């Protein structure tokens, strides 16, 4: 009979994130090859795990067509060399795809049906722009279920600025600049590279090797950000500089029961406490992490003061600022996105949730005084997702 069990995040890796489009480093690389490369890298880092003991493989993509179609979890498992006895499936929750891959497989582990699973996501936005070939039901708009703006993420960010006038463009630009600076510092300190799986690339100039993210702009200044165009609205506040870009990349994690981790001599980087998803008006989808976080905190019996580290996906600077203001956190709170975020790294949609987890896991190692952390993100069409984690390295001392 199945019983509840502790679920742990054993390990996670990702490819470097590339810029989408013909000039990006992955333009001639297949999406499924990106996730396969990440999966192989993760398995090589954990050689004590028997591959035939993996119970399932969940791989997310937002635009499931072409080389992102055909039940990614199954096809990529075979391509990565897993036994054909290992099943797999695909998931779509837009930006929270990889996060949902983790929470879905973790639920099966917690229930006792699985011992070990791989969970991740991939997005090749160069080959598959968000919403490409989608056919939304016309009743969405004709019956005014949602505004036409709800189908354009940049316009939803402008609406958050409208709703909260104190979240000014100047604050968004300053937050974006700090994100770029923090990513540069994290790279300089060697905190990002250990969890990157190098990927062979091909271009007109020949073969290359992707070993770092392509999108960061460490030279970013407030003056430069102030002069950028506002593509979603004349005289608007959302720009390419205070938003995440269009990117290609893949992430994958190894989830297990605490007992399985012990049986296979696997490391434990985080313990899952709880998770929650919530819905909001699609026109202001960026506030989604607020109710999902409130919901998760309530489930865990915790308050925002109990959270010592935050990894928030920076789809747009303004939606992160809305979260911080709601919970009384400062724009420069050192607990938030210590290594920077998606404004610099990039946001290959369905893969980003596991990037947040990879970075939180590494921060847990560096901060044994922190007991709880969370990963959270907004989701297109009006959703938010939050996962709360416990630090296995916690030493009981309070953070100064």
Foldseek 3Di string as FASTA:
>chain_A
DWAFFWKFFQAKFKAQKWAAAQPIQCLVPFFLVQALLRVLVVCVVQVLDDLQQAAEEEEEEAQADDSNHDFSRQVSCVVNPRPNNYYYGYAHQWQAQQVVQVVVVRVCQRRPNGFKHKTFYWFRCNVPPHPVPPDDDCCCDVVCVADPLLVPVLQLLLVLCVVPVVLALLLLLVLLLVLLQLQVVCVVVVNRQVRHRKDWGADPVGIDIRRHHDFRDNVDDSVVSVPFASVPDHVTRFGLRQAFHAITMMMMTMMGGPVSCVVSVTHGLWIFQDKFKDFDRSSNLLLQQQVRVVVGCVVNVHAPVLAQAEEEARRGSSSVVVNCVVRVHDSPRCRYPSNHHRSRSHRSRSRVQVVSVNSVSSVLVVCLCRFKHKYKYGTRNGMIMMTMITGPSRDPHHDD
